[in-house]
Amino acid sequence: MVDSKILIVEDDFIVAIDLKIHLENMGYYVLDITDNGYDALTKTRETNPDLILMDINLKGDIDGIDTAQKINTLYHVPVIYLTGYNDKNTIKRANITEPFGYIVKPFEDREIQLLIGMAV
């Protein structure tokens, strides 16, 4: 589903813009980019994305895992985590939110396309 609407939640502006460009080149529609959990919740409610690409470490006092849990409970939107961290405790905590997958930074286009295709 190439016309899927995607919300990017990423606190590194350069990574977010790079990801947006890659997604748009693949034919996806990027609704918006935000860098914190509270805005992600608001934008999810307002824009009804098909998928959220969520960084685990975000600006503010709510991280990506807590944000994904709230989104899952309130809106039932699939989440794929973006992370530079793959330690056991982080992955174990993130798995509780039942994500559709993980993309470890730096990412590759093929990996993104595969996971998005499975999620939507």
PDB file of N, CA and C in Angstrom:
ATOM      1  N   MET A   1       0.852  -1.185   0.000  1.00  0.00           N
ATOM      2  CA  MET A   1       0.000   0.000   0.000  1.00  0.00           C
ATOM      3  C   MET A   1       0.888   1.235   0.000  1.00  0.00           C
ATOM      4  N   VAL A   2       1.304   1.657  -1.158  1.00  0.00           N
ATOM      5  CA  VAL A   2       2.292   2.711  -1.288  1.00  0.00           C
ATOM      6  C   VAL A   2       1.750   4.076  -0.885  1.00  0.00           C
ATOM      7  N   ASP A   3       0.459   4.289  -0.934  1.00  0.00           N
ATOM      8  CA  ASP A   3      -0.077   5.595  -0.570  1.00  0.00           C
ATOM      9  C   ASP A   3      -0.387   5.698   0.919  1.00  0.00           C
ATOM     10  N   SER A   4       0.194   4.852   1.737  1.00  0.00           N
ATOM     11  CA  SER A   4      -0.026   4.870   3.175  1.00  0.00           C
ATOM     12  C   SER A   4       0.442   6.184   3.780  1.00  0.00           C
ATOM     13  N   LYS A   5      -0.301   6.622   4.790  1.00  0.00           N
ATOM     14  CA  LYS A   5       0.019   7.863   5.504  1.00  0.00           C
ATOM     15  C   LYS A   5       0.860   7.524   6.729  1.00  0.00           C
ATOM     16  N   ILE A   6       2.026   8.153   6.810  1.00  0.00           N
ATOM     17  CA  ILE A   6       2.980   7.822   7.866  1.00  0.00           C
ATOM     18  C   ILE A   6       3.306   9.059   8.691  1.00  0.00           C
ATOM     19  N   LEU A   7       3.333   8.864  10.016  1.00  0.00           N
ATOM     20  CA  LEU A   7       3.781   9.897  10.949  1.00  0.00           C
ATOM     21  C   LEU A   7       5.165   9.496  11.433  1.00  0.00           C
ATOM     22  N   ILE A   8       6.107  10.427  11.366  1.00  0.00           N
ATOM     23  CA  ILE A   8       7.468  10.187  11.860  1.00  0.00           C
ATOM     24  C   ILE A   8       7.612  10.869  13.211  1.00  0.00           C
ATOM     25  N   VAL A   9       8.045  10.091  14.201  1.00  0.00           N
ATOM     26  CA  VAL A   9       8.314  10.632  15.536  1.00  0.00           C
ATOM     27  C   VAL A   9       9.793  10.371  15.807  1.00  0.00           C
ATOM     28  N   GLU A  10      10.604  11.405  15.651  1.00  0.00           N
ATOM     29  CA  GLU A  10      12.067  11.266  15.700  1.00  0.00           C
ATOM     30  C   GLU A  10      12.649  12.563  16.226  1.00  0.00           C
ATOM     31  N   ASP A  11      13.499  12.487  17.250  1.00  0.00           N
ATOM     32  CA  ASP A  11      14.036  13.706  17.862  1.00  0.00           C
ATOM     33  C   ASP A  11      15.283  14.244  17.178  1.00  0.00           C
ATOM     34  N   ASP A  12      15.871  13.497  16.273  1.00  0.00           N
ATOM     35  CA  ASP A  12      17.020  13.983  15.515  1.00  0.00           C
ATOM     36  C   ASP A  12      16.502  14.524  14.176  1.00  0.00           C
ATOM     37  N   PHE A  13      16.535  15.839  14.029  1.00  0.00           N
ATOM     38  CA  PHE A  13      15.945  16.501  12.862  1.00  0.00           C
ATOM     39  C   PHE A  13      16.538  15.992  11.550  1.00  0.00           C
ATOM     40  N   ILE A  14      17.839  15.799  11.507  1.00  0.00           N
ATOM     41  CA  ILE A  14      18.489  15.353  10.270  1.00  0.00           C
ATOM     42  C   ILE A  14      18.037  13.946   9.905  1.00  0.00           C
ATOM     43  N   VAL A  15      17.955  13.055  10.888  1.00  0.00           N
ATOM     44  CA  VAL A  15      17.474  11.693  10.646  1.00  0.00           C
ATOM     45  C   VAL A  15      16.024  11.735  10.166  1.00  0.00           C
ATOM     46  N   ALA A  16      15.212  12.578  10.798  1.00  0.00           N
ATOM     47  CA  ALA A  16      13.790  12.678  10.431  1.00  0.00           C
ATOM     48  C   ALA A  16      13.615  13.151   8.993  1.00  0.00           C
ATOM     49  N   ILE A  17      14.348  14.171   8.602  1.00  0.00           N
ATOM     50  CA  ILE A  17      14.239  14.698   7.239  1.00  0.00           C
ATOM     51  C   ILE A  17      14.749  13.675   6.231  1.00  0.00           C
ATOM     52  N   ASP A  18      15.847  13.011   6.553  1.00  0.00           N
ATOM     53  CA  ASP A  18      16.379  11.967   5.672  1.00  0.00           C
ATOM     54  C   ASP A  18      15.366  10.840   5.500  1.00  0.00           C
ATOM     55  N   LEU A  19      14.758  10.427   6.586  1.00  0.00           N
ATOM     56  CA  LEU A  19      13.740   9.380   6.535  1.00  0.00           C
ATOM     57  C   LEU A  19      12.539   9.822   5.705  1.00  0.00           C
ATOM     58  N   LYS A  20      12.113  11.050   5.891  1.00  0.00           N
ATOM     59  CA  LYS A  20      10.988  11.601   5.126  1.00  0.00           C
ATOM     60  C   LYS A  20      11.278  11.544   3.623  1.00  0.00           C
ATOM     61  N   ILE A  21      12.470  11.959   3.241  1.00  0.00           N
ATOM     62  CA  ILE A  21      12.857  11.945   1.833  1.00  0.00           C
ATOM     63  C   ILE A  21      12.846  10.515   1.283  1.00  0.00           C
ATOM     64  N   HIS A  22      13.408   9.582   2.046  1.00  0.00           N
ATOM     65  CA  HIS A  22      13.419   8.176   1.613  1.00  0.00           C
ATOM     66  C   HIS A  22      12.003   7.643   1.444  1.00  0.00           C
ATOM     67  N   LEU A  23      11.136   7.927   2.413  1.00  0.00           N
ATOM     68  CA  LEU A  23       9.757   7.442   2.352  1.00  0.00           C
ATOM     69  C   LEU A  23       9.011   8.027   1.158  1.00  0.00           C
ATOM     70  N   GLU A  24       9.172   9.319   0.931  1.00  0.00           N
ATOM     71  CA  GLU A  24       8.492   9.962  -0.192  1.00  0.00           C
ATOM     72  C   GLU A  24       9.014   9.423  -1.532  1.00  0.00           C
ATOM     73  N   ASN A  25      10.300   9.147  -1.609  1.00  0.00           N
ATOM     74  CA  ASN A  25      10.862   8.555  -2.824  1.00  0.00           C
ATOM     75  C   ASN A  25      10.314   7.150  -3.069  1.00  0.00           C
ATOM     76  N   MET A  26       9.895   6.470  -2.000  1.00  0.00           N
ATOM     77  CA  MET A  26       9.284   5.146  -2.124  1.00  0.00           C
ATOM     78  C   MET A  26       7.791   5.238  -2.434  1.00  0.00           C
ATOM     79  N   GLY A  27       7.251   6.459  -2.411  1.00  0.00           N
ATOM     80  CA  GLY A  27       5.844   6.640  -2.732  1.00  0.00           C
ATOM     81  C   GLY A  27       4.922   6.781  -1.542  1.00  0.00           C
ATOM     82  N   TYR A  28       5.474   6.833  -0.328  1.00  0.00           N
ATOM     83  CA  TYR A  28       4.641   6.998   0.861  1.00  0.00           C
ATOM     84  C   TYR A  28       4.361   8.472   1.119  1.00  0.00           C
ATOM     85  N   TYR A  29       3.270   8.730   1.807  1.00  0.00           N
ATOM     86  CA  TYR A  29       2.899  10.097   2.159  1.00  0.00           C
ATOM     87  C   TYR A  29       3.224  10.326   3.630  1.00  0.00           C
ATOM     88  N   VAL A  30       4.141  11.250   3.909  1.00  0.00           N
ATOM     89  CA  VAL A  30       4.513  11.580   5.278  1.00  0.00           C
ATOM     90  C   VAL A  30       3.605  12.713   5.754  1.00  0.00           C
ATOM     91  N   LEU A  31       2.775  12.397   6.735  1.00  0.00           N
ATOM     92  CA  LEU A  31       1.827  13.371   7.270  1.00  0.00           C
ATOM     93  C   LEU A  31       2.532  14.514   7.985  1.00  0.00           C
ATOM     94  N   ASP A  32       3.498  14.131   8.818  1.00  0.00           N
ATOM     95  CA  ASP A  32       4.164  15.136   9.642  1.00  0.00           C
ATOM     96  C   ASP A  32       5.358  14.490  10.329  1.00  0.00           C
ATOM     97  N   ILE A  33       6.167  15.342  10.949  1.00  0.00           N
ATOM     98  CA  ILE A  33       7.297  14.916  11.764  1.00  0.00           C
ATOM     99  C   ILE A  33       7.153  15.612  13.106  1.00  0.00           C
ATOM    100  N   THR A  34       7.368  14.870  14.183  1.00  0.00           N
ATOM    101  CA  THR A  34       7.406  15.467  15.508  1.00  0.00           C
ATOM    102  C   THR A  34       8.548  14.851  16.290  1.00  0.00           C
ATOM    103  N   ASP A  35       8.961  15.538  17.349  1.00  0.00           N
ATOM    104  CA  ASP A  35      10.126  15.076  18.092  1.00  0.00           C
ATOM    105  C   ASP A  35       9.825  14.701  19.541  1.00  0.00           C
ATOM    106  N   ASN A  36       8.525  14.661  19.910  1.00  0.00           N
ATOM    107  CA  ASN A  36       8.202  14.323  21.291  1.00  0.00           C
ATOM    108  C   ASN A  36       6.883  13.559  21.381  1.00  0.00           C
ATOM    109  N   GLY A  37       6.705  12.876  22.490  1.00  0.00           N
ATOM    110  CA  GLY A  37       5.553  12.013  22.672  1.00  0.00           C
ATOM    111  C   GLY A  37       4.222  12.732  22.722  1.00  0.00           C
ATOM    112  N   TYR A  38       4.177  13.877  23.372  1.00  0.00           N
ATOM    113  CA  TYR A  38       2.911  14.602  23.488  1.00  0.00           C
ATOM    114  C   TYR A  38       2.403  15.067  22.124  1.00  0.00           C
ATOM    115  N   ASP A  39       3.300  15.598  21.319  1.00  0.00           N
ATOM    116  CA  ASP A  39       2.899  16.004  19.968  1.00  0.00           C
ATOM    117  C   ASP A  39       2.510  14.791  19.124  1.00  0.00           C
ATOM    118  N   ALA A  40       3.201  13.676  19.321  1.00  0.00           N
ATOM    119  CA  ALA A  40       2.865  12.455  18.578  1.00  0.00           C
ATOM    120  C   ALA A  40       1.440  12.009  18.890  1.00  0.00           C
ATOM    121  N   LEU A  41       1.037  12.090  20.146  1.00  0.00           N
ATOM    122  CA  LEU A  41      -0.327  11.726  20.528  1.00  0.00           C
ATOM    123  C   LEU A  41      -1.342  12.655  19.877  1.00  0.00           C
ATOM    124  N   THR A  42      -1.051  13.948  19.908  1.00  0.00           N
ATOM    125  CA  THR A  42      -1.954  14.936  19.311  1.00  0.00           C
ATOM    126  C   THR A  42      -2.057  14.738  17.801  1.00  0.00           C
ATOM    127  N   LYS A  43      -0.914  14.586  17.143  1.00  0.00           N
ATOM    128  CA  LYS A  43      -0.911  14.424  15.685  1.00  0.00           C
ATOM    129  C   LYS A  43      -1.563  13.105  15.259  1.00  0.00           C
ATOM    130  N   THR A  44      -1.424  12.082  16.071  1.00  0.00           N
ATOM    131  CA  THR A  44      -2.091  10.814  15.766  1.00  0.00           C
ATOM    132  C   THR A  44      -3.609  10.999  15.803  1.00  0.00           C
ATOM    133  N   ARG A  45      -4.079  11.681  16.821  1.00  0.00           N
ATOM    134  CA  ARG A  45      -5.514  11.946  16.935  1.00  0.00           C
ATOM    135  C   ARG A  45      -6.014  12.804  15.774  1.00  0.00           C
ATOM    136  N   GLU A  46      -5.251  13.808  15.397  1.00  0.00           N
ATOM    137  CA  GLU A  46      -5.685  14.766  14.376  1.00  0.00           C
ATOM    138  C   GLU A  46      -5.554  14.229  12.951  1.00  0.00           C
ATOM    139  N   THR A  47      -4.543  13.409  12.676  1.00  0.00           N
ATOM    140  CA  THR A  47      -4.254  13.033  11.286  1.00  0.00           C
ATOM    141  C   THR A  47      -4.577  11.580  10.937  1.00  0.00           C
ATOM    142  N   ASN A  48      -4.814  10.746  11.947  1.00  0.00           N
ATOM    143  CA  ASN A  48      -5.176   9.350  11.720  1.00  0.00           C
ATOM    144  C   ASN A  48      -4.210   8.639  10.751  1.00  0.00           C
ATOM    145  N   PRO A  49      -2.932   8.514  11.140  1.00  0.00           N
ATOM    146  CA  PRO A  49      -1.970   7.868  10.247  1.00  0.00           C
ATOM    147  C   PRO A  49      -2.239   6.371  10.116  1.00  0.00           C
ATOM    148  N   ASP A  50      -1.736   5.793   9.032  1.00  0.00           N
ATOM    149  CA  ASP A  50      -1.810   4.351   8.842  1.00  0.00           C
ATOM    150  C   ASP A  50      -0.704   3.640   9.604  1.00  0.00           C
ATOM    151  N   LEU A  51       0.380   4.387   9.884  1.00  0.00           N
ATOM    152  CA  LEU A  51       1.560   3.815  10.511  1.00  0.00           C
ATOM    153  C   LEU A  51       2.358   4.929  11.171  1.00  0.00           C
ATOM    154  N   ILE A  52       3.034   4.585  12.262  1.00  0.00           N
ATOM    155  CA  ILE A  52       3.923   5.534  12.927  1.00  0.00           C
ATOM    156  C   ILE A  52       5.312   4.924  13.009  1.00  0.00           C
ATOM    157  N   LEU A  53       6.308   5.681  12.573  1.00  0.00           N
ATOM    158  CA  LEU A  53       7.705   5.309  12.765  1.00  0.00           C
ATOM    159  C   LEU A  53       8.169   6.078  13.998  1.00  0.00           C
ATOM    160  N   MET A  54       8.477   5.362  15.067  1.00  0.00           N
ATOM    161  CA  MET A  54       8.689   5.949  16.393  1.00  0.00           C
ATOM    162  C   MET A  54      10.096   5.706  16.903  1.00  0.00           C
ATOM    163  N   ASP A  55      10.812   6.795  17.152  1.00  0.00           N
ATOM    164  CA  ASP A  55      12.103   6.681  17.817  1.00  0.00           C
ATOM    165  C   ASP A  55      11.840   6.317  19.278  1.00  0.00           C
ATOM    166  N   ILE A  56      12.703   5.531  19.868  1.00  0.00           N
ATOM    167  CA  ILE A  56      12.515   5.155  21.269  1.00  0.00           C
ATOM    168  C   ILE A  56      12.901   6.297  22.192  1.00  0.00           C
ATOM    169  N   ASN A  57      13.980   6.987  21.892  1.00  0.00           N
ATOM    170  CA  ASN A  57      14.401   8.121  22.715  1.00  0.00           C
ATOM    171  C   ASN A  57      13.892   9.408  22.097  1.00  0.00           C
ATOM    172  N   LEU A  58      13.044  10.107  22.845  1.00  0.00           N
ATOM    173  CA  LEU A  58      12.434  11.345  22.359  1.00  0.00           C
ATOM    174  C   LEU A  58      12.727  12.497  23.294  1.00  0.00           C
ATOM    175  N   LYS A  59      12.488  13.701  22.816  1.00  0.00           N
ATOM    176  CA  LYS A  59      12.585  14.872  23.667  1.00  0.00           C
ATOM    177  C   LYS A  59      11.419  14.866  24.643  1.00  0.00           C
ATOM    178  N   GLY A  60      11.625  15.454  25.813  1.00  0.00           N
ATOM    179  CA  GLY A  60      10.547  15.545  26.795  1.00  0.00           C
ATOM    180  C   GLY A  60      10.572  14.392  27.781  1.00  0.00           C
ATOM    181  N   ASP A  61       9.536  14.333  28.585  1.00  0.00           N
ATOM    182  CA  ASP A  61       9.515  13.358  29.674  1.00  0.00           C
ATOM    183  C   ASP A  61       8.751  12.077  29.357  1.00  0.00           C
ATOM    184  N   ILE A  62       8.297  11.907  28.133  1.00  0.00           N
ATOM    185  CA  ILE A  62       7.645  10.669  27.715  1.00  0.00           C
ATOM    186  C   ILE A  62       8.426  10.108  26.519  1.00  0.00           C
ATOM    187  N   ASP A  63       8.931   8.892  26.666  1.00  0.00           N
ATOM    188  CA  ASP A  63       9.751   8.325  25.596  1.00  0.00           C
ATOM    189  C   ASP A  63       8.885   7.636  24.545  1.00  0.00           C
ATOM    190  N   GLY A  64       9.519   7.093  23.532  1.00  0.00           N
ATOM    191  CA  GLY A  64       8.797   6.475  22.430  1.00  0.00           C
ATOM    192  C   GLY A  64       8.028   5.232  22.828  1.00  0.00           C
ATOM    193  N   ILE A  65       8.545   4.489  23.785  1.00  0.00           N
ATOM    194  CA  ILE A  65       7.856   3.279  24.226  1.00  0.00           C
ATOM    195  C   ILE A  65       6.560   3.646  24.945  1.00  0.00           C
ATOM    196  N   ASP A  66       6.619   4.599  25.871  1.00  0.00           N
ATOM    197  CA  ASP A  66       5.405   5.044  26.561  1.00  0.00           C
ATOM    198  C   ASP A  66       4.405   5.658  25.578  1.00  0.00           C
ATOM    199  N   THR A  67       4.915   6.416  24.625  1.00  0.00           N
ATOM    200  CA  THR A  67       4.049   7.025  23.616  1.00  0.00           C
ATOM    201  C   THR A  67       3.375   5.952  22.765  1.00  0.00           C
ATOM    202  N   ALA A  68       4.145   4.956  22.338  1.00  0.00           N
ATOM    203  CA  ALA A  68       3.586   3.866  21.525  1.00  0.00           C
ATOM    204  C   ALA A  68       2.509   3.110  22.297  1.00  0.00           C
ATOM    205  N   GLN A  69       2.726   2.909  23.588  1.00  0.00           N
ATOM    206  CA  GLN A  69       1.733   2.205  24.405  1.00  0.00           C
ATOM    207  C   GLN A  69       0.419   2.989  24.442  1.00  0.00           C
ATOM    208  N   LYS A  70       0.519   4.294  24.619  1.00  0.00           N
ATOM    209  CA  LYS A  70      -0.687   5.130  24.649  1.00  0.00           C
ATOM    210  C   LYS A  70      -1.382   5.149  23.287  1.00  0.00           C
ATOM    211  N   ILE A  71      -0.603   5.226  22.227  1.00  0.00           N
ATOM    212  CA  ILE A  71      -1.173   5.227  20.876  1.00  0.00           C
ATOM    213  C   ILE A  71      -1.867   3.891  20.599  1.00  0.00           C
ATOM    214  N   ASN A  72      -1.232   2.814  21.019  1.00  0.00           N
ATOM    215  CA  ASN A  72      -1.816   1.492  20.836  1.00  0.00           C
ATOM    216  C   ASN A  72      -3.153   1.375  21.579  1.00  0.00           C
ATOM    217  N   THR A  73      -3.200   1.889  22.790  1.00  0.00           N
ATOM    218  CA  THR A  73      -4.415   1.825  23.602  1.00  0.00           C
ATOM    219  C   THR A  73      -5.525   2.722  23.054  1.00  0.00           C
ATOM    220  N   LEU A  74      -5.162   3.942  22.668  1.00  0.00           N
ATOM    221  CA  LEU A  74      -6.171   4.931  22.259  1.00  0.00           C
ATOM    222  C   LEU A  74      -6.563   4.834  20.791  1.00  0.00           C
ATOM    223  N   TYR A  75      -5.603   4.562  19.902  1.00  0.00           N
ATOM    224  CA  TYR A  75      -5.851   4.720  18.469  1.00  0.00           C
ATOM    225  C   TYR A  75      -5.606   3.461  17.639  1.00  0.00           C
ATOM    226  N   HIS A  76      -4.956   2.475  18.190  1.00  0.00           N
ATOM    227  CA  HIS A  76      -4.697   1.207  17.495  1.00  0.00           C
ATOM    228  C   HIS A  76      -3.984   1.401  16.156  1.00  0.00           C
ATOM    229  N   VAL A  77      -2.993   2.286  16.144  1.00  0.00           N
ATOM    230  CA  VAL A  77      -2.193   2.536  14.948  1.00  0.00           C
ATOM    231  C   VAL A  77      -0.897   1.729  15.072  1.00  0.00           C
ATOM    232  N   PRO A  78      -0.522   0.981  14.036  1.00  0.00           N
ATOM    233  CA  PRO A  78       0.717   0.203  14.109  1.00  0.00           C
ATOM    234  C   PRO A  78       1.942   1.104  14.258  1.00  0.00           C
ATOM    235  N   VAL A  79       2.899   0.611  15.042  1.00  0.00           N
ATOM    236  CA  VAL A  79       4.138   1.347  15.301  1.00  0.00           C
ATOM    237  C   VAL A  79       5.318   0.472  14.918  1.00  0.00           C
ATOM    238  N   ILE A  80       6.254   1.093  14.219  1.00  0.00           N
ATOM    239  CA  ILE A  80       7.567   0.490  13.974  1.00  0.00           C
ATOM    240  C   ILE A  80       8.573   1.374  14.680  1.00  0.00           C
ATOM    241  N   TYR A  81       9.386   0.768  15.522  1.00  0.00           N
ATOM    242  CA  TYR A  81      10.380   1.547  16.260  1.00  0.00           C
ATOM    243  C   TYR A  81      11.612   1.831  15.417  1.00  0.00           C
ATOM    244  N   LEU A  82      12.111   3.045  15.576  1.00  0.00           N
ATOM    245  CA  LEU A  82      13.409   3.458  15.045  1.00  0.00           C
ATOM    246  C   LEU A  82      14.321   3.551  16.256  1.00  0.00           C
ATOM    247  N   THR A  83      15.463   2.927  16.204  1.00  0.00           N
ATOM    248  CA  THR A  83      16.325   3.003  17.373  1.00  0.00           C
ATOM    249  C   THR A  83      17.786   2.797  17.032  1.00  0.00           C
ATOM    250  N   GLY A  84      18.603   3.429  17.794  1.00  0.00           N
ATOM    251  CA  GLY A  84      20.037   3.193  17.736  1.00  0.00           C
ATOM    252  C   GLY A  84      20.443   2.258  18.864  1.00  0.00           C
ATOM    253  N   TYR A  85      19.465   1.917  19.704  1.00  0.00           N
ATOM    254  CA  TYR A  85      19.700   1.067  20.859  1.00  0.00           C
ATOM    255  C   TYR A  85      19.057  -0.291  20.636  1.00  0.00           C
ATOM    256  N   ASN A  86      19.811  -1.330  20.891  1.00  0.00           N
ATOM    257  CA  ASN A  86      19.233  -2.665  20.780  1.00  0.00           C
ATOM    258  C   ASN A  86      19.622  -3.529  21.969  1.00  0.00           C
ATOM    259  N   ASP A  87      19.756  -2.878  23.139  1.00  0.00           N
ATOM    260  CA  ASP A  87      20.068  -3.630  24.340  1.00  0.00           C
ATOM    261  C   ASP A  87      18.841  -4.423  24.798  1.00  0.00           C
ATOM    262  N   LYS A  88      19.063  -5.482  25.523  1.00  0.00           N
ATOM    263  CA  LYS A  88      18.000  -6.405  25.904  1.00  0.00           C
ATOM    264  C   LYS A  88      16.882  -5.735  26.699  1.00  0.00           C
ATOM    265  N   ASN A  89      17.230  -4.877  27.639  1.00  0.00           N
ATOM    266  CA  ASN A  89      16.203  -4.242  28.475  1.00  0.00           C
ATOM    267  C   ASN A  89      15.296  -3.332  27.658  1.00  0.00           C
ATOM    268  N   THR A  90      15.872  -2.566  26.752  1.00  0.00           N
ATOM    269  CA  THR A  90      15.071  -1.673  25.907  1.00  0.00           C
ATOM    270  C   THR A  90      14.149  -2.483  25.005  1.00  0.00           C
ATOM    271  N   ILE A  91      14.673  -3.512  24.367  1.00  0.00           N
ATOM    272  CA  ILE A  91      13.874  -4.344  23.471  1.00  0.00           C
ATOM    273  C   ILE A  91      12.773  -5.065  24.246  1.00  0.00           C
ATOM    274  N   LYS A  92      13.112  -5.565  25.423  1.00  0.00           N
ATOM    275  CA  LYS A  92      12.109  -6.249  26.248  1.00  0.00           C
ATOM    276  C   LYS A  92      10.978  -5.289  26.616  1.00  0.00           C
ATOM    277  N   ARG A  93      11.325  -4.095  27.022  1.00  0.00           N
ATOM    278  CA  ARG A  93      10.317  -3.085  27.379  1.00  0.00           C
ATOM    279  C   ARG A  93       9.488  -2.695  26.160  1.00  0.00           C
ATOM    280  N   ALA A  94      10.141  -2.526  25.014  1.00  0.00           N
ATOM    281  CA  ALA A  94       9.442  -2.140  23.789  1.00  0.00           C
ATOM    282  C   ALA A  94       8.519  -3.256  23.295  1.00  0.00           C
ATOM    283  N   ASN A  95       8.912  -4.493  23.468  1.00  0.00           N
ATOM    284  CA  ASN A  95       8.098  -5.618  22.999  1.00  0.00           C
ATOM    285  C   ASN A  95       6.724  -5.679  23.661  1.00  0.00           C
ATOM    286  N   ILE A  96       6.605  -5.133  24.848  1.00  0.00           N
ATOM    287  CA  ILE A  96       5.317  -5.121  25.547  1.00  0.00           C
ATOM    288  C   ILE A  96       4.275  -4.354  24.735  1.00  0.00           C
ATOM    289  N   THR A  97       4.710  -3.392  23.938  1.00  0.00           N
ATOM    290  CA  THR A  97       3.783  -2.574  23.141  1.00  0.00           C
ATOM    291  C   THR A  97       3.382  -3.255  21.837  1.00  0.00           C
ATOM    292  N   GLU A  98       3.896  -4.434  21.583  1.00  0.00           N
ATOM    293  CA  GLU A  98       3.592  -5.211  20.382  1.00  0.00           C
ATOM    294  C   GLU A  98       3.823  -4.430  19.084  1.00  0.00           C
ATOM    295  N   PRO A  99       5.060  -3.954  18.887  1.00  0.00           N
ATOM    296  CA  PRO A  99       5.362  -3.212  17.664  1.00  0.00           C
ATOM    297  C   PRO A  99       5.338  -4.130  16.447  1.00  0.00           C
ATOM    298  N   PHE A 100       5.257  -3.516  15.274  1.00  0.00           N
ATOM    299  CA  PHE A 100       5.305  -4.283  14.038  1.00  0.00           C
ATOM    300  C   PHE A 100       6.738  -4.535  13.610  1.00  0.00           C
ATOM    301  N   GLY A 101       7.688  -3.991  14.331  1.00  0.00           N
ATOM    302  CA  GLY A 101       9.083  -4.254  14.028  1.00  0.00           C
ATOM    303  C   GLY A 101       9.996  -3.160  14.534  1.00  0.00           C
ATOM    304  N   TYR A 102      11.267  -3.324  14.211  1.00  0.00           N
ATOM    305  CA  TYR A 102      12.315  -2.403  14.612  1.00  0.00           C
ATOM    306  C   TYR A 102      13.169  -2.076  13.399  1.00  0.00           C
ATOM    307  N   ILE A 103      13.544  -0.835  13.311  1.00  0.00           N
ATOM    308  CA  ILE A 103      14.518  -0.413  12.314  1.00  0.00           C
ATOM    309  C   ILE A 103      15.687   0.155  13.096  1.00  0.00           C
ATOM    310  N   VAL A 104      16.832  -0.481  12.987  1.00  0.00           N
ATOM    311  CA  VAL A 104      18.012  -0.030  13.706  1.00  0.00           C
ATOM    312  C   VAL A 104      18.751   0.973  12.835  1.00  0.00           C
ATOM    313  N   LYS A 105      19.042   2.121  13.433  1.00  0.00           N
ATOM    314  CA  LYS A 105      19.774   3.163  12.713  1.00  0.00           C
ATOM    315  C   LYS A 105      21.236   2.758  12.619  1.00  0.00           C
ATOM    316  N   PRO A 106      21.900   3.023  11.539  1.00  0.00           N
ATOM    317  CA  PRO A 106      21.377   3.613  10.306  1.00  0.00           C
ATOM    318  C   PRO A 106      20.523   2.592   9.549  1.00  0.00           C
ATOM    319  N   PHE A 107      19.496   3.079   8.914  1.00  0.00           N
ATOM    320  CA  PHE A 107      18.527   2.213   8.246  1.00  0.00           C
ATOM    321  C   PHE A 107      18.819   2.094   6.761  1.00  0.00           C
ATOM    322  N   GLU A 108      18.221   1.076   6.154  1.00  0.00           N
ATOM    323  CA  GLU A 108      18.319   0.868   4.713  1.00  0.00           C
ATOM    324  C   GLU A 108      16.915   0.883   4.118  1.00  0.00           C
ATOM    325  N   ASP A 109      16.789   1.373   2.895  1.00  0.00           N
ATOM    326  CA  ASP A 109      15.486   1.478   2.242  1.00  0.00           C
ATOM    327  C   ASP A 109      14.745   0.147   2.179  1.00  0.00           C
ATOM    328  N   ARG A 110      15.447  -0.904   1.853  1.00  0.00           N
ATOM    329  CA  ARG A 110      14.802  -2.220   1.716  1.00  0.00           C
ATOM    330  C   ARG A 110      14.174  -2.664   3.032  1.00  0.00           C
ATOM    331  N   GLU A 111      14.877  -2.440   4.122  1.00  0.00           N
ATOM    332  CA  GLU A 111      14.368  -2.795   5.440  1.00  0.00           C
ATOM    333  C   GLU A 111      13.095  -2.006   5.762  1.00  0.00           C
ATOM    334  N   ILE A 112      13.105  -0.715   5.455  1.00  0.00           N
ATOM    335  CA  ILE A 112      11.945   0.130   5.705  1.00  0.00           C
ATOM    336  C   ILE A 112      10.756  -0.341   4.869  1.00  0.00           C
ATOM    337  N   GLN A 113      10.977  -0.575   3.582  1.00  0.00           N
ATOM    338  CA  GLN A 113       9.884  -1.011   2.697  1.00  0.00           C
ATOM    339  C   GLN A 113       9.294  -2.337   3.161  1.00  0.00           C
ATOM    340  N   LEU A 114      10.120  -3.252   3.565  1.00  0.00           N
ATOM    341  CA  LEU A 114       9.653  -4.561   4.012  1.00  0.00           C
ATOM    342  C   LEU A 114       8.774  -4.431   5.249  1.00  0.00           C
ATOM    343  N   LEU A 115       9.239  -3.699   6.247  1.00  0.00           N
ATOM    344  CA  LEU A 115       8.479  -3.570   7.485  1.00  0.00           C
ATOM    345  C   LEU A 115       7.191  -2.787   7.286  1.00  0.00           C
ATOM    346  N   ILE A 116       7.238  -1.722   6.494  1.00  0.00           N
ATOM    347  CA  ILE A 116       6.031  -0.945   6.238  1.00  0.00           C
ATOM    348  C   ILE A 116       5.010  -1.800   5.488  1.00  0.00           C
ATOM    349  N   GLY A 117       5.477  -2.555   4.522  1.00  0.00           N
ATOM    350  CA  GLY A 117       4.588  -3.430   3.779  1.00  0.00           C
ATOM    351  C   GLY A 117       3.892  -4.444   4.664  1.00  0.00           C
ATOM    352  N   MET A 118       4.584  -4.946   5.643  1.00  0.00           N
ATOM    353  CA  MET A 118       3.990  -5.910   6.580  1.00  0.00           C
ATOM    354  C   MET A 118       3.022  -5.240   7.545  1.00  0.00           C
ATOM    355  N   ALA A 119       3.310  -4.005   7.908  1.00  0.00           N
ATOM    356  CA  ALA A 119       2.499  -3.316   8.921  1.00  0.00           C
ATOM    357  C   ALA A 119       1.185  -2.779   8.375  1.00  0.00           C
ATOM    358  N   VAL A 120       1.180  -2.369   7.102  1.00  0.00           N
ATOM    359  CA  VAL A 120      -0.058  -1.750   6.558  1.00  0.00           C
ATOM    360  C   VAL A 120      -0.736  -2.637   5.630  1.00  0.00           C
TER     361      VAL A 120
END
